[in-house]
Amino acid sequence: MLSIVEAAGWPIWPLIACSIAALAIILERLSSLRNAKVIPPRLLEEAMAVSVSSIPSPDTIDKLERNSPLGMVLAAGFRAVRRPHATAESLREDLENSGRAVMHSLQRYLNALGTVASSAPLLGLLGTVVGLIEIFGSQTGGSTNPTLLAHGISVALYNTAFGLIIAVPSLMFYRYFRGRVDDFGIELEQAARRLATHLQPQLEAAARTSP
């Protein structure tokens, strides 16, 4: 492997940096974007069950918020209802704001991964150009230096190959993660709507008892 890196020349180092960054992002996102971690099973049902007659205590809401991204959305809904003079409109706004914040956190590092996927072929092309420059630079007069010619060809081909090797899986995982985030967004929206419908009677009761 070291001999390949040496043969590819200095243009290979930016590609190696891109590959390390892409691998780190992919592993981190694979760990973070798991169903059980983003939308734990039965969390919504449990939250609705404990809030049938009354809103959970602030400590319980804080614990729910730390549970998961879904817990953050549910906690925002409970906090909205606990506020004085809460309305269905304010509840919806708080749920939407929390949902946007959660979606932003779920998309973390995806732009960086997309940048790697789009820039790796260009860096490989840069290495190809550098290799071609070395090839033409080795042609002095009517003589040809086979060693320099072979080195220039290796720089061009190795960098092109490395750029594609990095770009293809990075793009595939980028598309995969984007799809996962979109699916989570739909599920979070549905959960927020169910919670809003569930809390509507308590909002109406609070409105009737308020002065």
C-alpha atoms as a PDB file:
ATOM      1  CA  MET A   1       0.000   0.000   0.000  1.00  0.00           C
ATOM      2  CA  LEU A   2       2.821   2.380   0.838  1.00  0.00           C
ATOM      3  CA  SER A   3       4.379   1.719  -2.544  1.00  0.00           C
ATOM      4  CA  ILE A   4       1.090   2.673  -4.236  1.00  0.00           C
ATOM      5  CA  VAL A   5       0.943   5.917  -2.246  1.00  0.00           C
ATOM      6  CA  GLU A   6       4.525   6.696  -3.188  1.00  0.00           C
ATOM      7  CA  ALA A   7       3.802   5.936  -6.838  1.00  0.00           C
ATOM      8  CA  ALA A   8       0.740   8.181  -6.826  1.00  0.00           C
ATOM      9  CA  GLY A   9       2.756  11.184  -5.682  1.00  0.00           C
ATOM     10  CA  TRP A  10       1.701  14.137  -3.571  1.00  0.00           C
ATOM     11  CA  PRO A  11      -1.812  14.534  -5.092  1.00  0.00           C
ATOM     12  CA  ILE A  12      -2.835  11.344  -3.280  1.00  0.00           C
ATOM     13  CA  TRP A  13      -2.630  12.959   0.178  1.00  0.00           C
ATOM     14  CA  PRO A  14      -5.743  15.143  -0.161  1.00  0.00           C
ATOM     15  CA  LEU A  15      -7.593  12.040  -1.329  1.00  0.00           C
ATOM     16  CA  ILE A  16      -6.397  10.088   1.699  1.00  0.00           C
ATOM     17  CA  ALA A  17      -7.638  12.910   3.935  1.00  0.00           C
ATOM     18  CA  CYS A  18     -11.011  12.787   2.169  1.00  0.00           C
ATOM     19  CA  SER A  19     -11.236   9.023   2.613  1.00  0.00           C
ATOM     20  CA  ILE A  20     -10.543   9.292   6.353  1.00  0.00           C
ATOM     21  CA  ALA A  21     -13.167  12.039   6.742  1.00  0.00           C
ATOM     22  CA  ALA A  22     -15.742  10.075   4.730  1.00  0.00           C
ATOM     23  CA  LEU A  23     -15.142   6.890   6.721  1.00  0.00           C
ATOM     24  CA  ALA A  24     -15.474   8.732  10.035  1.00  0.00           C
ATOM     25  CA  ILE A  25     -18.729  10.385   8.950  1.00  0.00           C
ATOM     26  CA  ILE A  26     -20.180   7.132   7.621  1.00  0.00           C
ATOM     27  CA  LEU A  27     -19.439   5.241  10.839  1.00  0.00           C
ATOM     28  CA  GLU A  28     -20.800   8.052  13.004  1.00  0.00           C
ATOM     29  CA  ARG A  29     -24.006   8.375  10.980  1.00  0.00           C
ATOM     30  CA  LEU A  30     -24.530   4.600  10.889  1.00  0.00           C
ATOM     31  CA  SER A  31     -24.440   4.669  14.676  1.00  0.00           C
ATOM     32  CA  SER A  32     -26.605   7.782  15.093  1.00  0.00           C
ATOM     33  CA  LEU A  33     -29.271   7.143  12.457  1.00  0.00           C
ATOM     34  CA  ARG A  34     -30.579   3.887  13.887  1.00  0.00           C
ATOM     35  CA  ASN A  35     -34.316   3.409  14.362  1.00  0.00           C
ATOM     36  CA  ALA A  36     -33.951   2.467  18.007  1.00  0.00           C
ATOM     37  CA  LYS A  37     -31.873   5.566  18.672  1.00  0.00           C
ATOM     38  CA  VAL A  38     -33.933   8.125  16.745  1.00  0.00           C
ATOM     39  CA  ILE A  39     -37.474   6.779  17.225  1.00  0.00           C
ATOM     40  CA  PRO A  40     -37.444   4.248  20.084  1.00  0.00           C
ATOM     41  CA  PRO A  41     -40.296   1.747  19.796  1.00  0.00           C
ATOM     42  CA  ARG A  42     -43.343   2.437  21.990  1.00  0.00           C
ATOM     43  CA  LEU A  43     -41.936   5.738  23.277  1.00  0.00           C
ATOM     44  CA  LEU A  44     -44.862   7.678  21.819  1.00  0.00           C
ATOM     45  CA  GLU A  45     -47.400   5.261  23.265  1.00  0.00           C
ATOM     46  CA  GLU A  46     -45.762   5.417  26.701  1.00  0.00           C
ATOM     47  CA  ALA A  47     -45.664   9.218  26.622  1.00  0.00           C
ATOM     48  CA  MET A  48     -49.331   9.376  25.687  1.00  0.00           C
ATOM     49  CA  ALA A  49     -50.231   6.829  28.362  1.00  0.00           C
ATOM     50  CA  VAL A  50     -48.629   8.820  31.204  1.00  0.00           C
ATOM     51  CA  SER A  51     -50.291  12.035  30.020  1.00  0.00           C
ATOM     52  CA  VAL A  52     -53.881  10.833  29.779  1.00  0.00           C
ATOM     53  CA  SER A  53     -55.059  12.641  32.911  1.00  0.00           C
ATOM     54  CA  SER A  54     -52.290  15.177  33.479  1.00  0.00           C
ATOM     55  CA  ILE A  55     -49.113  16.547  31.940  1.00  0.00           C
ATOM     56  CA  PRO A  56     -45.904  14.885  33.217  1.00  0.00           C
ATOM     57  CA  SER A  57     -43.725  16.745  35.709  1.00  0.00           C
ATOM     58  CA  PRO A  58     -40.847  18.950  34.481  1.00  0.00           C
ATOM     59  CA  ASP A  59     -38.310  16.344  35.620  1.00  0.00           C
ATOM     60  CA  THR A  60     -40.059  13.663  33.586  1.00  0.00           C
ATOM     61  CA  ILE A  61     -40.188  15.965  30.560  1.00  0.00           C
ATOM     62  CA  ASP A  62     -36.446  16.695  30.877  1.00  0.00           C
ATOM     63  CA  LYS A  63     -35.742  12.971  31.026  1.00  0.00           C
ATOM     64  CA  LEU A  64     -37.915  12.410  27.955  1.00  0.00           C
ATOM     65  CA  GLU A  65     -36.042  15.125  26.063  1.00  0.00           C
ATOM     66  CA  ARG A  66     -32.707  13.415  26.719  1.00  0.00           C
ATOM     67  CA  ASN A  67     -34.055  10.060  25.570  1.00  0.00           C
ATOM     68  CA  SER A  68     -33.937  10.525  21.791  1.00  0.00           C
ATOM     69  CA  PRO A  69     -34.796  12.917  18.940  1.00  0.00           C
ATOM     70  CA  LEU A  70     -38.410  11.736  19.174  1.00  0.00           C
ATOM     71  CA  GLY A  71     -38.286  12.457  22.896  1.00  0.00           C
ATOM     72  CA  MET A  72     -37.166  16.014  22.151  1.00  0.00           C
ATOM     73  CA  VAL A  73     -40.255  16.598  20.004  1.00  0.00           C
ATOM     74  CA  LEU A  74     -42.603  15.067  22.566  1.00  0.00           C
ATOM     75  CA  ALA A  75     -41.016  17.074  25.374  1.00  0.00           C
ATOM     76  CA  ALA A  76     -41.545  20.278  23.405  1.00  0.00           C
ATOM     77  CA  GLY A  77     -45.237  19.443  23.133  1.00  0.00           C
ATOM     78  CA  PHE A  78     -45.604  18.799  26.857  1.00  0.00           C
ATOM     79  CA  ARG A  79     -43.787  22.012  27.721  1.00  0.00           C
ATOM     80  CA  ALA A  80     -46.056  23.957  25.389  1.00  0.00           C
ATOM     81  CA  VAL A  81     -49.159  22.629  27.162  1.00  0.00           C
ATOM     82  CA  ARG A  82     -47.736  23.376  30.620  1.00  0.00           C
ATOM     83  CA  ARG A  83     -47.346  27.058  29.794  1.00  0.00           C
ATOM     84  CA  PRO A  84     -50.102  29.407  30.953  1.00  0.00           C
ATOM     85  CA  HIS A  85     -52.711  30.268  28.335  1.00  0.00           C
ATOM     86  CA  ALA A  86     -51.476  27.547  25.999  1.00  0.00           C
ATOM     87  CA  THR A  87     -53.384  27.180  22.742  1.00  0.00           C
ATOM     88  CA  ALA A  88     -53.495  24.667  19.918  1.00  0.00           C
ATOM     89  CA  GLU A  89     -51.659  27.194  17.751  1.00  0.00           C
ATOM     90  CA  SER A  90     -48.802  27.615  20.238  1.00  0.00           C
ATOM     91  CA  LEU A  91     -48.601  23.845  20.661  1.00  0.00           C
ATOM     92  CA  ARG A  92     -48.298  23.359  16.913  1.00  0.00           C
ATOM     93  CA  GLU A  93     -45.650  26.072  16.626  1.00  0.00           C
ATOM     94  CA  ASP A  94     -43.544  24.543  19.407  1.00  0.00           C
ATOM     95  CA  LEU A  95     -43.794  21.098  17.853  1.00  0.00           C
ATOM     96  CA  GLU A  96     -42.785  22.477  14.456  1.00  0.00           C
ATOM     97  CA  ASN A  97     -39.841  24.398  15.886  1.00  0.00           C
ATOM     98  CA  SER A  98     -38.636  21.362  17.797  1.00  0.00           C
ATOM     99  CA  GLY A  99     -39.057  19.196  14.700  1.00  0.00           C
ATOM    100  CA  ARG A 100     -36.940  21.566  12.624  1.00  0.00           C
ATOM    101  CA  ALA A 101     -34.190  21.531  15.262  1.00  0.00           C
ATOM    102  CA  VAL A 102     -34.265  17.728  15.397  1.00  0.00           C
ATOM    103  CA  MET A 103     -34.126  17.431  11.605  1.00  0.00           C
ATOM    104  CA  HIS A 104     -31.136  19.770  11.542  1.00  0.00           C
ATOM    105  CA  SER A 105     -29.323  17.547  14.050  1.00  0.00           C
ATOM    106  CA  LEU A 106     -30.163  14.412  12.050  1.00  0.00           C
ATOM    107  CA  GLN A 107     -28.586  15.987   8.952  1.00  0.00           C
ATOM    108  CA  ARG A 108     -25.326  16.655  10.794  1.00  0.00           C
ATOM    109  CA  TYR A 109     -22.199  15.978   8.714  1.00  0.00           C
ATOM    110  CA  LEU A 110     -24.207  14.991   5.624  1.00  0.00           C
ATOM    111  CA  ASN A 111     -23.157  18.124   3.755  1.00  0.00           C
ATOM    112  CA  ALA A 112     -19.538  17.268   4.506  1.00  0.00           C
ATOM    113  CA  LEU A 113     -20.046  13.747   3.166  1.00  0.00           C
ATOM    114  CA  GLY A 114     -21.671  15.137   0.025  1.00  0.00           C
ATOM    115  CA  THR A 115     -18.749  17.513  -0.399  1.00  0.00           C
ATOM    116  CA  VAL A 116     -16.315  14.596  -0.216  1.00  0.00           C
ATOM    117  CA  ALA A 117     -18.372  12.663  -2.761  1.00  0.00           C
ATOM    118  CA  SER A 118     -18.313  15.573  -5.211  1.00  0.00           C
ATOM    119  CA  SER A 119     -14.745  16.750  -4.621  1.00  0.00           C
ATOM    120  CA  ALA A 120     -12.958  13.374  -4.663  1.00  0.00           C
ATOM    121  CA  PRO A 121     -13.284  12.924  -8.464  1.00  0.00           C
ATOM    122  CA  LEU A 122     -12.032  16.476  -8.955  1.00  0.00           C
ATOM    123  CA  LEU A 123      -9.022  15.789  -6.733  1.00  0.00           C
ATOM    124  CA  GLY A 124      -8.418  12.622  -8.730  1.00  0.00           C
ATOM    125  CA  LEU A 125      -8.605  14.689 -11.903  1.00  0.00           C
ATOM    126  CA  LEU A 126      -6.085  17.087 -10.403  1.00  0.00           C
ATOM    127  CA  GLY A 127      -3.738  14.159  -9.842  1.00  0.00           C
ATOM    128  CA  THR A 128      -4.307  13.071 -13.427  1.00  0.00           C
ATOM    129  CA  VAL A 129      -3.398  16.525 -14.695  1.00  0.00           C
ATOM    130  CA  VAL A 130      -0.290  16.567 -12.508  1.00  0.00           C
ATOM    131  CA  GLY A 131       0.718  13.192 -13.916  1.00  0.00           C
ATOM    132  CA  LEU A 132       0.225  14.401 -17.474  1.00  0.00           C
ATOM    133  CA  ILE A 133       2.288  17.495 -16.729  1.00  0.00           C
ATOM    134  CA  GLU A 134       5.092  15.279 -15.466  1.00  0.00           C
ATOM    135  CA  ILE A 135       4.823  13.142 -18.603  1.00  0.00           C
ATOM    136  CA  PHE A 136       5.130  16.096 -20.952  1.00  0.00           C
ATOM    137  CA  GLY A 137       7.791  17.657 -18.760  1.00  0.00           C
ATOM    138  CA  SER A 138       9.902  14.534 -19.089  1.00  0.00           C
ATOM    139  CA  GLN A 139       9.998  14.876 -22.886  1.00  0.00           C
ATOM    140  CA  THR A 140      13.152  16.895 -23.472  1.00  0.00           C
ATOM    141  CA  GLY A 141      14.087  17.373 -27.106  1.00  0.00           C
ATOM    142  CA  GLY A 142      13.802  14.194 -29.026  1.00  0.00           C
ATOM    143  CA  SER A 143      14.627  11.848 -26.100  1.00  0.00           C
ATOM    144  CA  THR A 144      12.222  10.081 -23.824  1.00  0.00           C
ATOM    145  CA  ASN A 145      12.949   9.169 -20.219  1.00  0.00           C
ATOM    146  CA  PRO A 146      11.133   5.872 -19.563  1.00  0.00           C
ATOM    147  CA  THR A 147      11.394   6.266 -15.774  1.00  0.00           C
ATOM    148  CA  LEU A 148       9.793   9.703 -15.716  1.00  0.00           C
ATOM    149  CA  LEU A 149       7.229   8.606 -18.277  1.00  0.00           C
ATOM    150  CA  ALA A 150       6.206   5.614 -16.163  1.00  0.00           C
ATOM    151  CA  HIS A 151       6.061   7.772 -13.038  1.00  0.00           C
ATOM    152  CA  GLY A 152       3.798  10.316 -14.710  1.00  0.00           C
ATOM    153  CA  ILE A 153       1.450   7.606 -15.950  1.00  0.00           C
ATOM    154  CA  SER A 154       1.261   6.024 -12.490  1.00  0.00           C
ATOM    155  CA  VAL A 155       0.476   9.377 -10.878  1.00  0.00           C
ATOM    156  CA  ALA A 156      -2.324   9.975 -13.384  1.00  0.00           C
ATOM    157  CA  LEU A 157      -3.900   6.520 -13.118  1.00  0.00           C
ATOM    158  CA  TYR A 158      -3.557   6.010  -9.355  1.00  0.00           C
ATOM    159  CA  ASN A 159      -5.120   9.366  -8.518  1.00  0.00           C
ATOM    160  CA  THR A 160      -7.988   8.846 -10.946  1.00  0.00           C
ATOM    161  CA  ALA A 161      -8.690   5.430  -9.436  1.00  0.00           C
ATOM    162  CA  PHE A 162      -8.440   6.676  -5.847  1.00  0.00           C
ATOM    163  CA  GLY A 163     -10.782   9.565  -6.577  1.00  0.00           C
ATOM    164  CA  LEU A 164     -13.438   7.230  -7.948  1.00  0.00           C
ATOM    165  CA  ILE A 165     -12.956   4.668  -5.162  1.00  0.00           C
ATOM    166  CA  ILE A 166     -13.631   7.382  -2.586  1.00  0.00           C
ATOM    167  CA  ALA A 167     -16.426   9.175  -4.456  1.00  0.00           C
ATOM    168  CA  VAL A 168     -18.648   6.191  -5.294  1.00  0.00           C
ATOM    169  CA  PRO A 169     -19.230   4.816  -1.773  1.00  0.00           C
ATOM    170  CA  SER A 170     -19.377   8.333  -0.322  1.00  0.00           C
ATOM    171  CA  LEU A 171     -22.155   9.241  -2.750  1.00  0.00           C
ATOM    172  CA  MET A 172     -24.005   5.993  -2.063  1.00  0.00           C
ATOM    173  CA  PHE A 173     -23.935   6.510   1.703  1.00  0.00           C
ATOM    174  CA  TYR A 174     -24.859  10.171   1.291  1.00  0.00           C
ATOM    175  CA  ARG A 175     -27.981   9.216  -0.653  1.00  0.00           C
ATOM    176  CA  TYR A 176     -28.759   6.467   1.843  1.00  0.00           C
ATOM    177  CA  PHE A 177     -28.474   8.773   4.854  1.00  0.00           C
ATOM    178  CA  ARG A 178     -30.544  11.468   3.162  1.00  0.00           C
ATOM    179  CA  GLY A 179     -33.278   8.910   2.595  1.00  0.00           C
ATOM    180  CA  ARG A 180     -33.088   7.807   6.219  1.00  0.00           C
ATOM    181  CA  VAL A 181     -33.391  11.378   7.457  1.00  0.00           C
ATOM    182  CA  ASP A 182     -36.390  12.021   5.187  1.00  0.00           C
ATOM    183  CA  ASP A 183     -38.093   8.875   6.506  1.00  0.00           C
ATOM    184  CA  PHE A 184     -37.419   9.937  10.087  1.00  0.00           C
ATOM    185  CA  GLY A 185     -38.837  13.366   9.312  1.00  0.00           C
ATOM    186  CA  ILE A 186     -42.143  11.840   8.181  1.00  0.00           C
ATOM    187  CA  GLU A 187     -42.338   9.618  11.268  1.00  0.00           C
ATOM    188  CA  LEU A 188     -41.558  12.531  13.601  1.00  0.00           C
ATOM    189  CA  GLU A 189     -44.236  14.646  11.923  1.00  0.00           C
ATOM    190  CA  GLN A 190     -46.803  11.889  12.345  1.00  0.00           C
ATOM    191  CA  ALA A 191     -45.840  11.447  16.003  1.00  0.00           C
ATOM    192  CA  ALA A 192     -46.172  15.203  16.607  1.00  0.00           C
ATOM    193  CA  ARG A 193     -49.643  15.203  15.077  1.00  0.00           C
ATOM    194  CA  ARG A 194     -50.732  12.278  17.221  1.00  0.00           C
ATOM    195  CA  LEU A 195     -49.436  14.012  20.331  1.00  0.00           C
ATOM    196  CA  ALA A 196     -51.183  17.272  19.418  1.00  0.00           C
ATOM    197  CA  THR A 197     -54.481  15.427  18.963  1.00  0.00           C
ATOM    198  CA  HIS A 198     -53.927  13.604  22.253  1.00  0.00           C
ATOM    199  CA  LEU A 199     -53.267  16.834  24.158  1.00  0.00           C
ATOM    200  CA  GLN A 200     -56.178  18.759  22.634  1.00  0.00           C
ATOM    201  CA  PRO A 201     -58.687  17.819  25.388  1.00  0.00           C
ATOM    202  CA  GLN A 202     -56.290  19.037  28.072  1.00  0.00           C
ATOM    203  CA  LEU A 203     -55.807  22.310  26.219  1.00  0.00           C
ATOM    204  CA  GLU A 204     -59.579  22.785  26.023  1.00  0.00           C
ATOM    205  CA  ALA A 205     -59.974  21.961  29.722  1.00  0.00           C
ATOM    206  CA  ALA A 206     -57.249  24.447  30.639  1.00  0.00           C
ATOM    207  CA  ALA A 207     -58.929  27.109  28.494  1.00  0.00           C
ATOM    208  CA  ARG A 208     -62.260  26.598  30.281  1.00  0.00           C
ATOM    209  CA  THR A 209     -60.728  26.876  33.752  1.00  0.00           C
ATOM    210  CA  SER A 210     -58.483  29.853  32.987  1.00  0.00           C
ATOM    211  CA  PRO A 211     -59.810  33.284  34.027  1.00  0.00           C
END
